[in-house]
C-alpha atoms as a PDB file:
ATOM      1  CA  MET A   1      -0.089  -0.210   0.172  1.00  0.00           C
ATOM      2  CA  ASN A   2       1.461   3.571  -0.668  1.00  0.00           C
ATOM      3  CA  LYS A   3       0.540   6.561   0.317  1.00  0.00           C
ATOM      4  CA  ARG A   4      -2.950   6.837  -2.734  1.00  0.00           C
ATOM      5  CA  ASP A   5      -3.654   3.877  -1.634  1.00  0.00           C
ATOM      6  CA  LEU A   6      -4.190   4.998   2.520  1.00  0.00           C
ATOM      7  CA  VAL A   7      -5.610   8.148   1.065  1.00  0.00           C
ATOM      8  CA  LYS A   8      -8.452   6.821  -0.818  1.00  0.00           C
ATOM      9  CA  LYS A   9      -9.115   3.755   1.603  1.00  0.00           C
ATOM     10  CA  ILE A  10      -8.875   6.235   4.921  1.00  0.00           C
ATOM     11  CA  ALA A  11     -11.666   8.715   2.553  1.00  0.00           C
ATOM     12  CA  GLN A  12     -13.806   6.050   1.572  1.00  0.00           C
ATOM     13  CA  ASP A  13     -13.396   4.409   5.493  1.00  0.00           C
ATOM     14  CA  ALA A  14     -14.115   8.271   7.383  1.00  0.00           C
ATOM     15  CA  ARG A  15     -17.095   8.936   4.243  1.00  0.00           C
ATOM     16  CA  LEU A  16     -14.745  12.222   3.138  1.00  0.00           C
ATOM     17  CA  SER A  17     -13.333  13.609   0.094  1.00  0.00           C
ATOM     18  CA  ASN A  18     -10.362  12.339  -1.525  1.00  0.00           C
ATOM     19  CA  VAL A  19      -8.334  15.699  -0.894  1.00  0.00           C
ATOM     20  CA  GLN A  20      -9.848  16.015   2.994  1.00  0.00           C
ATOM     21  CA  ALA A  21      -8.056  12.947   3.304  1.00  0.00           C
ATOM     22  CA  ALA A  22      -4.952  13.695   1.925  1.00  0.00           C
ATOM     23  CA  ARG A  23      -4.776  16.869   4.216  1.00  0.00           C
ATOM     24  CA  ALA A  24      -5.662  14.892   7.587  1.00  0.00           C
ATOM     25  CA  LEU A  25      -2.095  12.226   6.434  1.00  0.00           C
ATOM     26  CA  ASP A  26      -0.357  15.385   5.844  1.00  0.00           C
ATOM     27  CA  ALA A  27      -1.815  16.514   9.535  1.00  0.00           C
ATOM     28  CA  PHE A  28      -1.061  13.589  10.936  1.00  0.00           C
ATOM     29  CA  LEU A  29       2.484  12.844   9.273  1.00  0.00           C
ATOM     30  CA  ASP A  30       3.209  16.731  10.189  1.00  0.00           C
ATOM     31  CA  SER A  31       2.965  16.127  13.752  1.00  0.00           C
ATOM     32  CA  VAL A  32       4.633  12.886  14.099  1.00  0.00           C
ATOM     33  CA  GLN A  33       7.502  14.561  12.041  1.00  0.00           C
ATOM     34  CA  SER A  34       7.867  17.955  13.737  1.00  0.00           C
ATOM     35  CA  SER A  35       7.795  15.999  17.711  1.00  0.00           C
ATOM     36  CA  LEU A  36      10.496  13.673  16.819  1.00  0.00           C
ATOM     37  CA  ILE A  37      12.820  16.280  16.166  1.00  0.00           C
ATOM     38  CA  LYS A  38      12.351  17.778  18.805  1.00  0.00           C
ATOM     39  CA  GLY A  39      12.995  14.151  20.686  1.00  0.00           C
ATOM     40  CA  ASP A  40       9.598  13.559  21.550  1.00  0.00           C
ATOM     41  CA  ARG A  41       7.629  10.069  21.337  1.00  0.00           C
ATOM     42  CA  VAL A  42       4.389  10.158  20.447  1.00  0.00           C
ATOM     43  CA  THR A  43       2.383   6.890  21.313  1.00  0.00           C
ATOM     44  CA  LEU A  44      -0.781   5.220  20.010  1.00  0.00           C
ATOM     45  CA  VAL A  45      -2.400   3.092  22.734  1.00  0.00           C
ATOM     46  CA  GLY A  46      -2.275  -0.177  20.832  1.00  0.00           C
ATOM     47  CA  PHE A  47      -1.412   0.555  17.375  1.00  0.00           C
ATOM     48  CA  GLY A  48       3.175   1.336  18.798  1.00  0.00           C
ATOM     49  CA  THR A  49       5.395   4.166  19.546  1.00  0.00           C
ATOM     50  CA  PHE A  50       7.194   5.668  16.881  1.00  0.00           C
ATOM     51  CA  ALA A  51       9.888   7.185  18.706  1.00  0.00           C
ATOM     52  CA  VAL A  52      13.649   8.642  18.447  1.00  0.00           C
ATOM     53  CA  SER A  53      17.010   6.626  19.020  1.00  0.00           C
ATOM     54  CA  GLN A  54      20.467   6.907  19.553  1.00  0.00           C
ATOM     55  CA  HIS A  55      23.461   5.069  17.992  1.00  0.00           C
ATOM     56  CA  LYS A  56      26.557   5.310  19.268  1.00  0.00           C
ATOM     57  CA  ALA A  57      29.783   5.943  16.328  1.00  0.00           C
ATOM     58  CA  ARG A  58      31.323   2.550  15.479  1.00  0.00           C
ATOM     59  CA  LEU A  59      33.978   1.359  13.651  1.00  0.00           C
ATOM     60  CA  VAL A  60      33.060  -1.418  10.462  1.00  0.00           C
ATOM     61  CA  ARG A  61      35.334  -3.205   8.599  1.00  0.00           C
ATOM     62  CA  VAL A  62      35.000  -2.218   5.143  1.00  0.00           C
ATOM     63  CA  PRO A  63      35.520  -5.984   3.563  1.00  0.00           C
ATOM     64  CA  ARG A  64      36.438  -4.296   0.153  1.00  0.00           C
ATOM     65  CA  ARG A  65      39.570  -2.135   1.249  1.00  0.00           C
ATOM     66  CA  GLY A  66      40.832  -4.706   4.013  1.00  0.00           C
ATOM     67  CA  GLY A  67      40.547  -2.037   6.761  1.00  0.00           C
ATOM     68  CA  THR A  68      38.331  -0.157   9.265  1.00  0.00           C
ATOM     69  CA  MET A  69      35.433   2.700   9.052  1.00  0.00           C
ATOM     70  CA  GLN A  70      34.562   5.641  11.265  1.00  0.00           C
ATOM     71  CA  ILE A  71      30.764   5.461  11.121  1.00  0.00           C
ATOM     72  CA  ALA A  72      29.912   8.699  12.692  1.00  0.00           C
ATOM     73  CA  ALA A  73      27.555   8.433  15.807  1.00  0.00           C
ATOM     74  CA  ARG A  74      23.584   9.220  14.610  1.00  0.00           C
ATOM     75  CA  ARG A  75      19.741   9.904  15.309  1.00  0.00           C
ATOM     76  CA  VAL A  76      17.643   6.540  13.940  1.00  0.00           C
ATOM     77  CA  ALA A  77      13.516   7.108  13.864  1.00  0.00           C
ATOM     78  CA  ARG A  78      11.903   3.321  15.301  1.00  0.00           C
ATOM     79  CA  PHE A  79       8.739   2.245  15.200  1.00  0.00           C
ATOM     80  CA  ALA A  80       7.609   0.089  18.070  1.00  0.00           C
ATOM     81  CA  PRO A  81       5.033  -2.149  17.039  1.00  0.00           C
ATOM     82  CA  GLY A  82       1.658  -1.963  20.313  1.00  0.00           C
ATOM     83  CA  LEU A  83       0.093  -5.427  21.865  1.00  0.00           C
ATOM     84  CA  ASP A  84      -3.233  -4.892  19.379  1.00  0.00           C
ATOM     85  CA  LEU A  85      -0.931  -4.112  16.132  1.00  0.00           C
ATOM     86  CA  LYS A  86       1.209  -7.370  17.233  1.00  0.00           C
ATOM     87  CA  LEU A  87      -1.855  -9.911  17.899  1.00  0.00           C
ATOM     88  CA  ALA A  88      -3.433  -8.726  14.783  1.00  0.00           C
ATOM     89  CA  VAL A  89      -0.348  -9.555  12.183  1.00  0.00           C
ATOM     90  CA  GLN A  90       0.344 -12.824  14.487  1.00  0.00           C
ATOM     91  CA  SER A  91      -3.936 -13.815  13.766  1.00  0.00           C
ATOM     92  CA  SER A  92      -3.745 -12.982  10.480  1.00  0.00           C
ATOM     93  CA  MET A  93      -1.022 -14.961   9.889  1.00  0.00           C
ATOM     94  CA  LYS A  94      -2.373 -17.976  11.502  1.00  0.00           C
ATOM     95  CA  THR A  95      -6.131 -18.037   9.680  1.00  0.00           C
ATOM     96  CA  SER A  96      -3.554 -17.429   6.170  1.00  0.00           C
ATOM     97  CA  ARG A  97      -1.268 -20.954   6.511  1.00  0.00           C
ATOM     98  CA  THR A  98      -2.598 -22.883   4.448  1.00  0.00           C
ATOM     99  CA  PRO A  99      -2.291 -26.728   6.410  1.00  0.00           C
ATOM    100  CA  SER A 100       0.936 -29.025   4.844  1.00  0.00           C
END
């Protein structure tokens, strides 16, 4: 599913126009992004949590050159699924399997 498909699904389920659904989705994404930039967490109970993790600087081996390379410290966005989402995905896997 891409953004266009998601906008169509939101518009259909919420009985909105595609333009209204696109604005709502863009507002949601902008809010999550600005919160993560500030270092805040965004928790949607049952769905999951968006947060920022700090990765330390580290040395990695470069096989092609046979040496090492320094990777700078960085902040990365991450998503941890909530319990309801985990259970929904697990139950869909059980029902979609075919017996062997």
